[in-house]
Amino acid sequence: MVGFCCCRYTKFGGPIHRRPVEDIAFSVARFIQNNGSFVNYYMYHGGTNFGREAAGLFITTSYDYDAPLDEYGLPNEPKYGHLRDLHKIIKLVEPALVSSYPTVTRLGKNQEAYVFRSKSGLCASFLSNYDPKNSVKVAFQNHQYDLLPWSISILPDCKNVAYNTAKVISKGPQIKMTPVVGGFSWQSYIEETPTSSESEMTTAKHLWEQLNVTRDSSDYLWYMTEVKIASNEGFLKHGKYPTLTVSSAGHVLHVFVNGQSSGTVYGELSNPNVTYTGNVKLGAGINKISLLSVAVGLPNVGTHYERWSAGVLGPVTLSGLNKGTKDLTKHKWSYKVGLKGELVSLNTIMGSSSVDWDASSLAIKKPLTWYKANFNEPKGNDPLALDMSNMGKGQIWINGKGLGRHWPAYTARGSCGGCSYAGTYSETKCQTNCGQPSQRWYHIPRSWLRPTGNLVVVFEEWGGDPTKISLLRRTY
């Protein structure tokens, strides 16, 4: 048995990986001609990481994997059709394959013939060209055959070519995303930064690692402290505000000073650590510094997961004061797990009625904002999705069920160029979507919906425009 990766998962901030079907078919046929007997595809059917159940750090909600069947359950052409045709041919020549070991003959420098014969006279052959650049003409059993680069031709009768791994015939229809007529009527609720007097708070004179506090009950952990500024501080007169520096083990950090956003920093899969450095507007008296640390998944590859960290570990410093730099690392810190909206279950039909939503003056491009809307299930059976391309980062729920993390503001970095199927495949070889959101569309299972009165709730960390969220059908 051998497993073949149809591609690779997508990470937030990364491009979408594509593995050409010609290369997959070549690998499978090469395995079969060398006495392979069982093929496993990972993934054959793409999936969705609903809720907060992504398989690892920074992995997108979509786990489509460029699989033959996409995460919506539709054939991903031409990959689906070309591999289907390959296995039809393999099934056709099965009696010859299982009757004997192949006779291998060299046809050229990088070309071979594998011939399988049964005692009853059945014959099947594989003509292989391992050259990644050149097509060749080979002579086999008194016939001439043209072999494309990096390809294998299968002859079920040892005479006629029935399939070539590099010649894609089953193109199939192309999938498109079609907007559903009618939009959403959104309402908004702004999540305030918490106060140290709230009952859910705990305090300590040091910084805590995030996952040991949240126990993965939420992506969010608030770190809060207070700084007293004397009235004689020089910056109050000349206007050059102090610099706050916060070192975090990741994965995302939102900084608020006196309830106002002062900036956001975020990491990536290869380096989740982040450092915020920025001038912060402080006034004479007590100033509140609130740090919202956000986890984006849990470690899934490597050793000693217990040593992996997230959250604000320090140092945290404030420089530009009369006495130079003030170390806040061992200040008294207050902690709160999760958001108020999570605690009152704003994502559910019942919980959403526990606060006053604003429908008259919708909050747009505001951080820490909840949005809700109702919609009816579109008629038909076409798979559905939300287009979140104009939002920043956060989470989505449908009728109380977690659709997943959205982060379209994190555009894909990397090198996206031409893609040749020939030659050894690597994950950086055929990348697409550079400069675009790593994930734009979010799959809504129809099994989650009722005919009327469905509730969609979006929590937006950074700030986005919900009026541009649209419901789509995935069709041919």
Protein backbone atom coordinates (compact mmCIF):
# COMPACT_ATOMS: atom_id res chain seq x y z
CA MET A 1 0.00 0.00 0.00
CA VAL A 2 1.11 3.54 -0.64
CA GLY A 3 -0.53 6.89 0.03
CA PHE A 4 -0.58 9.70 -2.50
CA CYS A 5 -1.07 13.29 -1.42
CA CYS A 6 -3.38 15.05 -3.82
CA CYS A 7 -1.88 18.28 -2.60
CA ARG A 8 -1.47 20.05 0.75
CA TYR A 9 -3.54 21.98 3.24
CA THR A 10 -3.75 25.78 3.07
CA LYS A 11 -2.49 27.97 5.87
CA PHE A 12 -3.62 31.48 6.66
CA GLY A 13 -1.16 33.78 4.94
CA GLY A 14 -0.12 31.07 2.50
CA PRO A 15 -1.02 30.37 -1.13
CA ILE A 16 -3.26 27.57 -2.32
CA HIS A 17 -1.28 24.50 -3.36
CA ARG A 18 -2.16 22.57 -6.50
CA ARG A 19 -0.72 19.24 -7.53
CA PRO A 20 -1.25 18.59 -11.24
CA VAL A 21 -3.36 15.54 -11.91
CA GLU A 22 -0.87 14.44 -14.57
CA ASP A 23 1.78 14.06 -11.87
CA ILE A 24 -0.54 12.18 -9.51
CA ALA A 25 -1.60 9.81 -12.29
CA PHE A 26 2.05 9.28 -13.24
CA SER A 27 2.94 8.42 -9.63
CA VAL A 28 0.04 6.00 -9.27
CA ALA A 29 0.74 4.24 -12.57
CA ARG A 30 4.43 4.00 -11.68
CA PHE A 31 3.53 2.37 -8.37
CA ILE A 32 1.19 -0.12 -10.06
CA GLN A 33 3.75 -1.10 -12.72
CA ASN A 34 6.18 -1.89 -9.89
CA ASN A 35 3.80 -4.46 -8.37
CA GLY A 36 1.85 -1.97 -6.28
CA SER A 37 -1.55 -3.26 -5.28
CA PHE A 38 -3.33 -0.72 -3.07
CA VAL A 39 -3.54 3.04 -3.53
CA ASN A 40 -4.67 5.46 -0.83
CA TYR A 41 -5.34 9.12 -1.59
CA TYR A 42 -4.97 11.85 0.99
CA MET A 43 -7.32 13.54 0.63
CA TYR A 44 -9.74 12.00 -1.87
CA HIS A 45 -12.64 14.05 -0.51
CA GLY A 46 -11.75 17.49 0.81
CA GLY A 47 -13.25 18.66 4.08
CA THR A 48 -13.96 21.64 6.30
CA ASN A 49 -12.44 22.45 9.70
CA PHE A 50 -15.66 23.58 11.34
CA GLY A 51 -15.59 25.59 14.55
CA ARG A 52 -12.12 25.82 16.06
CA GLU A 53 -11.15 22.29 15.04
CA ALA A 54 -8.53 23.09 12.42
CA ALA A 55 -5.83 20.44 12.27
CA GLY A 56 -3.02 22.71 13.42
CA LEU A 57 -1.59 26.20 13.77
CA PHE A 58 -2.73 28.75 11.18
CA ILE A 59 -4.56 26.10 9.12
CA THR A 60 -7.53 27.52 7.25
CA THR A 61 -11.12 26.52 7.83
CA SER A 62 -11.12 24.93 4.39
CA TYR A 63 -9.37 21.56 4.21
CA ASP A 64 -10.16 21.15 0.53
CA TYR A 65 -6.67 19.83 -0.25
CA ASP A 66 -7.29 20.19 -4.01
CA ALA A 67 -8.81 16.71 -3.69
CA PRO A 68 -10.65 14.89 -6.50
CA LEU A 69 -13.88 15.60 -4.59
CA ASP A 70 -13.85 19.09 -3.14
CA GLU A 71 -14.98 20.08 0.35
CA TYR A 72 -18.49 20.71 -1.01
CA GLY A 73 -18.73 17.15 -2.36
CA LEU A 74 -18.44 18.15 -6.02
CA PRO A 75 -16.01 16.64 -8.54
CA ASN A 76 -12.86 18.72 -8.85
CA GLU A 77 -12.17 18.58 -12.54
CA PRO A 78 -10.07 17.58 -14.31
CA LYS A 79 -8.51 15.79 -11.34
CA TYR A 80 -11.56 13.67 -10.56
CA GLY A 81 -12.21 12.53 -14.14
CA HIS A 82 -8.58 11.82 -15.03
CA LEU A 83 -7.99 9.66 -11.94
CA ARG A 84 -11.33 7.91 -12.46
CA ASP A 85 -10.24 6.97 -15.98
CA LEU A 86 -6.88 5.76 -14.67
CA HIS A 87 -8.49 3.37 -12.21
CA LYS A 88 -10.89 2.10 -14.85
CA ILE A 89 -7.90 1.08 -16.93
CA ILE A 90 -6.11 -0.47 -13.96
CA LYS A 91 -9.24 -2.45 -13.16
CA LEU A 92 -9.45 -3.54 -16.79
CA VAL A 93 -5.91 -4.96 -16.78
CA GLU A 94 -6.18 -6.43 -13.28
CA PRO A 95 -6.24 -10.09 -14.47
CA ALA A 96 -2.85 -9.64 -16.11
CA LEU A 97 -1.40 -7.60 -13.24
CA VAL A 98 -2.13 -10.24 -10.62
CA SER A 99 -0.97 -13.17 -12.75
CA SER A 100 2.75 -12.49 -12.84
CA TYR A 101 5.61 -10.18 -12.06
CA PRO A 102 6.39 -7.82 -14.92
CA THR A 103 9.11 -8.29 -17.47
CA VAL A 104 11.04 -5.03 -17.61
CA THR A 105 12.73 -3.88 -20.81
CA ARG A 106 14.70 -0.68 -21.34
CA LEU A 107 13.43 1.35 -24.28
CA GLY A 108 15.86 4.23 -23.95
CA LYS A 109 17.92 6.26 -21.50
CA ASN A 110 14.90 7.20 -19.37
CA GLN A 111 12.28 4.87 -20.81
CA GLU A 112 11.10 1.40 -19.81
CA ALA A 113 8.42 -1.13 -20.68
CA TYR A 114 6.71 -3.22 -18.01
CA VAL A 115 4.90 -6.22 -19.48
CA PHE A 116 2.47 -8.40 -17.52
CA ARG A 117 1.35 -11.73 -19.02
CA SER A 118 -1.01 -14.36 -17.69
CA LYS A 119 -0.89 -18.08 -18.44
CA SER A 120 -4.17 -17.72 -20.31
CA GLY A 121 -2.57 -15.29 -22.77
CA LEU A 122 -3.65 -11.94 -21.32
CA CYS A 123 -1.12 -9.15 -21.82
CA ALA A 124 -0.91 -5.62 -20.43
CA SER A 125 1.98 -3.21 -20.65
CA PHE A 126 3.12 0.10 -19.18
CA LEU A 127 5.40 2.26 -21.32
CA SER A 128 7.17 4.77 -19.11
CA ASN A 129 9.05 7.98 -19.87
CA TYR A 130 10.84 9.40 -16.82
CA ASP A 131 12.33 12.34 -18.71
CA PRO A 132 10.71 15.50 -17.26
CA LYS A 133 11.47 17.64 -20.31
CA ASN A 134 11.36 15.68 -23.54
CA SER A 135 8.81 13.68 -25.47
CA VAL A 136 10.26 10.55 -27.04
CA LYS A 137 9.36 7.97 -29.65
CA VAL A 138 10.02 4.40 -28.56
CA ALA A 139 9.85 1.05 -30.32
CA PHE A 140 7.91 -1.66 -28.52
CA GLN A 141 6.95 -5.02 -30.02
CA ASN A 142 7.46 -3.79 -33.59
CA HIS A 143 5.35 -0.66 -33.07
CA GLN A 144 6.27 3.00 -32.52
CA TYR A 145 4.82 4.90 -29.57
CA ASP A 146 5.02 8.58 -28.68
CA LEU A 147 5.52 9.18 -24.97
CA LEU A 148 4.96 12.59 -23.45
CA PRO A 149 7.45 13.87 -20.84
CA TRP A 150 7.02 12.41 -17.36
CA SER A 151 4.25 10.06 -18.43
CA ILE A 152 3.19 6.44 -18.61
CA SER A 153 1.06 4.93 -21.35
CA ILE A 154 -1.05 1.89 -20.48
CA LEU A 155 -1.71 -0.69 -23.19
CA PRO A 156 -4.39 -3.16 -21.97
CA ASP A 157 -3.65 -5.53 -24.89
CA CYS A 158 0.07 -4.72 -25.23
CA LYS A 159 -0.72 -3.03 -28.56
CA ASN A 160 -3.09 -0.09 -28.26
CA VAL A 161 -2.68 2.86 -25.92
CA ALA A 162 -5.83 3.28 -23.84
CA TYR A 163 -4.51 5.84 -21.36
CA ASN A 164 -1.60 8.23 -20.95
CA THR A 165 -1.06 9.85 -17.58
CA ALA A 166 -0.11 13.22 -19.12
CA LYS A 167 -2.96 13.39 -21.62
CA VAL A 168 -6.03 14.77 -19.83
CA ILE A 169 -9.18 13.99 -21.79
CA SER A 170 -11.87 14.20 -19.09
CA LYS A 171 -11.91 17.97 -18.61
CA GLY A 172 -15.35 18.16 -17.03
CA PRO A 173 -17.32 21.33 -16.25
CA GLN A 174 -15.71 24.15 -14.30
CA ILE A 175 -17.13 25.12 -10.92
CA LYS A 176 -18.39 28.65 -10.32
CA MET A 177 -19.69 30.59 -7.33
CA THR A 178 -23.05 32.25 -8.04
CA PRO A 179 -24.56 34.84 -5.66
CA VAL A 180 -27.98 34.07 -4.21
CA VAL A 181 -30.51 36.80 -4.98
CA GLY A 182 -31.15 38.99 -1.94
CA GLY A 183 -28.76 40.04 0.77
CA PHE A 184 -28.49 40.12 4.55
CA SER A 185 -29.94 42.75 6.87
CA TRP A 186 -27.22 43.07 9.47
CA GLN A 187 -27.30 44.28 13.04
CA SER A 188 -24.20 45.00 15.12
CA TYR A 189 -23.06 44.87 18.71
CA ILE A 190 -19.70 46.24 19.82
CA GLU A 191 -17.77 44.20 22.38
CA GLU A 192 -16.24 46.52 24.96
CA THR A 193 -12.84 45.91 26.46
CA PRO A 194 -13.39 44.32 29.88
CA THR A 195 -12.77 45.99 33.22
CA SER A 196 -10.70 44.57 36.05
CA SER A 197 -13.75 44.54 38.33
CA GLU A 198 -15.61 41.89 36.31
CA SER A 199 -16.35 38.69 38.20
CA GLU A 200 -14.69 36.41 35.64
CA MET A 201 -11.29 38.00 36.28
CA THR A 202 -8.24 36.40 37.86
CA THR A 203 -5.09 38.30 38.79
CA ALA A 204 -1.38 37.60 39.10
CA LYS A 205 1.87 39.55 39.31
CA HIS A 206 3.33 37.86 36.28
CA LEU A 207 2.35 36.90 32.75
CA TRP A 208 0.62 33.59 32.13
CA GLU A 209 0.96 31.33 29.12
CA GLN A 210 -2.33 31.44 27.22
CA LEU A 211 -3.24 27.80 26.58
CA ASN A 212 -2.65 26.83 30.21
CA VAL A 213 -5.26 29.43 31.15
CA THR A 214 -7.88 28.98 28.45
CA ARG A 215 -7.52 25.19 28.19
CA ASP A 216 -8.68 25.71 24.60
CA SER A 217 -12.12 26.81 25.78
CA SER A 218 -11.70 29.94 23.67
CA ASP A 219 -9.30 31.43 21.16
CA TYR A 220 -9.22 34.58 23.26
CA LEU A 221 -7.47 35.66 26.45
CA TRP A 222 -7.43 39.21 27.82
CA TYR A 223 -4.31 40.51 29.61
CA MET A 224 -5.02 43.78 31.46
CA THR A 225 -2.97 46.11 33.61
CA GLU A 226 -3.01 49.73 34.70
CA VAL A 227 -0.30 52.37 34.42
CA LYS A 228 -0.30 55.56 36.46
CA ILE A 229 1.10 58.57 34.65
CA ALA A 230 2.26 61.53 36.71
CA SER A 231 1.13 64.98 35.64
CA ASN A 232 4.74 66.13 35.24
CA GLU A 233 5.65 63.57 32.57
CA GLY A 234 7.42 65.37 29.75
CA PHE A 235 5.47 63.69 26.95
CA LEU A 236 2.26 65.32 28.22
CA LYS A 237 3.74 68.68 27.23
CA HIS A 238 5.64 67.96 24.02
CA GLY A 239 3.16 65.40 22.68
CA LYS A 240 5.58 62.59 21.87
CA TYR A 241 3.76 59.64 23.35
CA PRO A 242 5.57 56.74 25.07
CA THR A 243 6.36 53.55 23.21
CA LEU A 244 4.69 50.33 24.32
CA THR A 245 6.52 47.12 23.45
CA VAL A 246 4.85 43.74 23.95
CA SER A 247 6.51 40.41 23.20
CA SER A 248 4.16 37.51 22.61
CA ALA A 249 4.46 33.85 21.70
CA GLY A 250 1.57 34.42 19.29
CA HIS A 251 -0.46 33.99 17.43
CA VAL A 252 -2.33 37.32 17.12
CA LEU A 253 -2.23 40.32 19.43
CA HIS A 254 -4.68 43.23 19.56
CA VAL A 255 -3.59 46.18 21.70
CA PHE A 256 -6.08 48.55 23.35
CA VAL A 257 -5.23 51.58 25.47
CA ASN A 258 -8.03 53.15 27.48
CA GLY A 259 -10.52 51.19 25.40
CA GLN A 260 -9.21 52.39 22.03
CA SER A 261 -7.45 50.19 19.49
CA SER A 262 -3.73 50.90 19.21
CA GLY A 263 -2.81 48.24 16.69
CA THR A 264 -2.57 44.58 15.80
CA VAL A 265 0.31 42.22 15.08
CA TYR A 266 0.18 38.61 13.95
CA GLY A 267 2.54 35.78 13.18
CA GLU A 268 2.66 32.94 10.71
CA LEU A 269 3.01 29.18 10.76
CA SER A 270 6.81 29.26 10.46
CA ASN A 271 7.14 31.93 13.16
CA PRO A 272 4.07 32.49 15.36
CA ASN A 273 5.93 34.83 17.75
CA VAL A 274 5.00 38.51 17.48
CA THR A 275 6.19 41.80 18.94
CA TYR A 276 4.05 44.91 19.11
CA THR A 277 5.84 48.26 19.18
CA GLY A 278 3.90 51.49 18.97
CA ASN A 279 3.36 54.90 20.48
CA VAL A 280 0.36 54.86 22.80
CA LYS A 281 -1.78 57.80 23.81
CA LEU A 282 -1.62 58.05 27.60
CA GLY A 283 -2.94 60.77 29.87
CA ALA A 284 -2.23 61.92 33.40
CA GLY A 285 -3.67 59.50 35.96
CA ILE A 286 -4.66 55.86 35.57
CA ASN A 287 -4.39 54.36 32.08
CA LYS A 288 -5.71 50.92 31.18
CA ILE A 289 -3.72 48.68 28.87
CA SER A 290 -5.72 45.73 27.51
CA LEU A 291 -4.08 43.07 25.38
CA LEU A 292 -6.29 40.59 23.54
CA SER A 293 -4.23 37.55 22.68
CA VAL A 294 -5.68 35.23 20.05
CA ALA A 295 -4.74 31.61 19.39
CA VAL A 296 -5.11 30.29 15.85
CA GLY A 297 -5.18 26.55 16.36
CA LEU A 298 -3.08 24.10 18.35
CA PRO A 299 0.24 22.43 17.46
CA ASN A 300 -0.17 19.28 15.39
CA VAL A 301 3.31 18.38 14.17
CA GLY A 302 6.46 17.92 16.21
CA THR A 303 7.42 16.79 19.68
CA HIS A 304 6.76 17.98 23.23
CA TYR A 305 3.53 19.84 22.62
CA GLU A 306 3.59 20.75 26.31
CA ARG A 307 6.51 23.07 25.58
CA TRP A 308 4.71 24.99 22.84
CA SER A 309 3.48 28.36 24.01
CA ALA A 310 0.99 31.05 23.06
CA GLY A 311 0.05 34.38 24.53
CA VAL A 312 1.88 37.31 26.08
CA LEU A 313 5.00 36.03 27.83
CA GLY A 314 6.86 39.33 27.89
CA PRO A 315 8.73 41.42 28.31
CA VAL A 316 6.19 44.25 28.26
CA THR A 317 7.79 47.68 28.52
CA LEU A 318 6.81 51.33 28.31
CA SER A 319 9.60 53.66 27.19
CA GLY A 320 9.81 57.41 26.73
CA LEU A 321 8.98 58.34 30.33
CA ASN A 322 10.85 60.80 32.51
CA LYS A 323 12.62 57.89 34.19
CA GLY A 324 13.31 56.09 30.94
CA THR A 325 11.74 52.65 30.48
CA LYS A 326 9.17 51.08 32.78
CA ASP A 327 8.99 47.28 32.88
CA LEU A 328 5.36 46.14 33.11
CA THR A 329 6.14 42.42 32.94
CA LYS A 330 5.73 41.87 36.69
CA HIS A 331 2.93 44.36 37.15
CA LYS A 332 -0.37 43.18 38.52
CA TRP A 333 -2.15 41.63 35.54
CA SER A 334 -5.82 40.72 35.31
CA TYR A 335 -6.95 37.90 33.05
CA LYS A 336 -10.24 37.08 31.40
CA VAL A 337 -10.83 34.00 29.28
CA GLY A 338 -12.99 34.55 26.22
CA LEU A 339 -15.23 37.36 25.07
CA LYS A 340 -18.42 38.65 26.60
CA GLY A 341 -20.22 37.59 23.43
CA GLU A 342 -18.97 34.04 23.92
CA LEU A 343 -19.99 33.95 27.58
CA VAL A 344 -23.58 34.97 26.77
CA SER A 345 -23.66 32.81 23.61
CA LEU A 346 -24.36 35.58 21.10
CA ASN A 347 -23.81 32.98 18.40
CA THR A 348 -27.06 31.19 19.32
CA ILE A 349 -30.67 32.13 18.71
CA MET A 350 -31.44 32.31 22.43
CA GLY A 351 -28.21 34.02 23.45
CA SER A 352 -28.38 36.62 20.71
CA SER A 353 -31.37 38.19 22.45
CA SER A 354 -29.35 38.90 25.60
CA VAL A 355 -27.89 42.19 24.30
CA ASP A 356 -29.20 45.20 22.41
CA TRP A 357 -28.22 45.07 18.75
CA ASP A 358 -27.97 48.20 16.61
CA ALA A 359 -29.76 48.01 13.28
CA SER A 360 -30.01 51.74 12.55
CA SER A 361 -26.30 52.67 12.57
CA LEU A 362 -24.40 49.55 11.59
CA ALA A 363 -20.82 49.46 12.87
CA ILE A 364 -18.52 49.08 9.87
CA LYS A 365 -14.74 48.66 9.97
CA LYS A 366 -14.85 48.60 13.78
CA PRO A 367 -12.80 46.11 15.83
CA LEU A 368 -14.41 43.70 18.30
CA THR A 369 -17.81 43.83 16.61
CA TRP A 370 -20.51 41.17 16.49
CA TYR A 371 -22.89 41.00 13.55
CA LYS A 372 -26.06 38.99 13.11
CA ALA A 373 -28.60 38.49 10.35
CA ASN A 374 -31.39 36.10 9.46
CA PHE A 375 -31.87 34.35 6.15
CA ASN A 376 -33.94 31.65 4.50
CA GLU A 377 -32.47 28.54 2.94
CA PRO A 378 -32.13 28.95 -0.83
CA LYS A 379 -34.15 26.44 -2.82
CA GLY A 380 -32.44 23.49 -4.46
CA ASN A 381 -29.55 21.25 -3.47
CA ASP A 382 -26.55 23.26 -4.62
CA PRO A 383 -23.85 23.56 -1.94
CA LEU A 384 -23.72 26.95 -0.22
CA ALA A 385 -20.97 29.25 0.98
CA LEU A 386 -20.38 32.70 2.44
CA ASP A 387 -18.12 35.15 0.63
CA MET A 388 -16.13 36.81 3.42
CA SER A 389 -13.61 38.65 1.25
CA ASN A 390 -14.36 42.08 2.75
CA MET A 391 -13.97 41.02 6.36
CA GLY A 392 -10.85 41.00 8.53
CA LYS A 393 -10.50 38.17 11.04
CA GLY A 394 -12.80 36.37 13.44
CA GLN A 395 -15.30 33.54 13.59
CA ILE A 396 -18.62 32.59 11.96
CA TRP A 397 -21.64 30.65 13.27
CA ILE A 398 -24.75 29.33 11.56
CA ASN A 399 -27.67 28.54 13.88
CA GLY A 400 -25.22 28.30 16.76
CA LYS A 401 -22.81 25.92 15.02
CA GLY A 402 -19.27 27.07 14.38
CA LEU A 403 -18.58 27.50 10.68
CA GLY A 404 -14.94 28.23 11.44
CA ARG A 405 -12.35 30.95 11.67
CA HIS A 406 -12.33 33.56 8.93
CA TRP A 407 -9.22 35.58 8.11
CA PRO A 408 -9.49 37.00 4.58
CA ALA A 409 -7.41 40.03 5.57
CA TYR A 410 -4.38 37.73 5.73
CA THR A 411 -3.45 37.63 2.06
CA ALA A 412 -1.37 34.83 0.62
CA ARG A 413 2.37 35.33 0.45
CA GLY A 414 4.65 33.33 -1.75
CA SER A 415 5.65 32.79 -5.35
CA CYS A 416 2.89 31.97 -7.80
CA GLY A 417 4.06 31.40 -11.34
CA GLY A 418 3.76 28.86 -14.08
CA CYS A 419 3.11 25.23 -13.27
CA SER A 420 4.54 22.27 -15.11
CA TYR A 421 3.26 18.82 -14.22
CA ALA A 422 6.58 17.22 -15.15
CA GLY A 423 9.28 16.48 -12.63
CA THR A 424 9.29 15.75 -8.93
CA TYR A 425 6.49 17.55 -7.12
CA SER A 426 7.08 19.87 -4.17
CA GLU A 427 4.58 21.98 -2.26
CA THR A 428 6.04 25.23 -3.63
CA LYS A 429 5.91 24.10 -7.24
CA CYS A 430 2.37 24.91 -8.32
CA GLN A 431 1.11 27.61 -5.98
CA THR A 432 -1.85 29.86 -6.77
CA ASN A 433 -3.78 32.71 -5.18
CA CYS A 434 -0.79 34.86 -4.18
CA GLY A 435 -1.87 38.33 -3.09
CA GLN A 436 -5.44 37.13 -2.47
CA PRO A 437 -7.14 35.99 0.75
CA SER A 438 -5.89 32.55 1.72
CA GLN A 439 -9.56 31.63 2.08
CA ARG A 440 -12.48 33.63 0.70
CA TRP A 441 -15.42 31.19 0.68
CA TYR A 442 -16.76 29.38 3.75
CA HIS A 443 -18.83 26.24 3.29
CA ILE A 444 -22.31 26.13 4.86
CA PRO A 445 -23.68 22.56 5.13
CA ARG A 446 -27.32 22.48 4.10
CA SER A 447 -27.94 19.99 6.90
CA TRP A 448 -27.41 22.87 9.33
CA LEU A 449 -30.22 24.93 7.81
CA ARG A 450 -33.95 25.11 8.26
CA PRO A 451 -36.28 26.38 5.51
CA THR A 452 -36.69 29.82 7.14
CA GLY A 453 -35.28 31.88 9.99
CA ASN A 454 -31.63 30.81 9.93
CA LEU A 455 -29.24 32.85 12.07
CA VAL A 456 -25.76 33.84 10.91
CA VAL A 457 -23.46 35.46 13.46
CA VAL A 458 -20.03 36.90 12.70
CA PHE A 459 -17.50 38.10 15.24
CA GLU A 460 -15.02 40.52 13.68
CA GLU A 461 -11.75 41.19 15.49
CA TRP A 462 -10.11 43.68 13.13
CA GLY A 463 -12.93 45.48 11.38
CA GLY A 464 -14.72 44.64 8.15
CA ASP A 465 -17.74 45.51 6.03
CA PRO A 466 -20.54 42.99 6.62
CA THR A 467 -22.74 44.62 3.98
CA LYS A 468 -20.47 42.97 1.41
CA ILE A 469 -20.87 39.45 2.82
CA SER A 470 -22.84 37.41 0.30
CA LEU A 471 -24.43 33.97 0.18
CA LEU A 472 -23.30 31.88 -2.79
CA ARG A 473 -24.23 28.70 -4.60
CA ARG A 474 -21.45 26.42 -5.80
CA THR A 475 -22.50 25.20 -9.23
CA TYR A 476 -21.23 24.08 -12.61
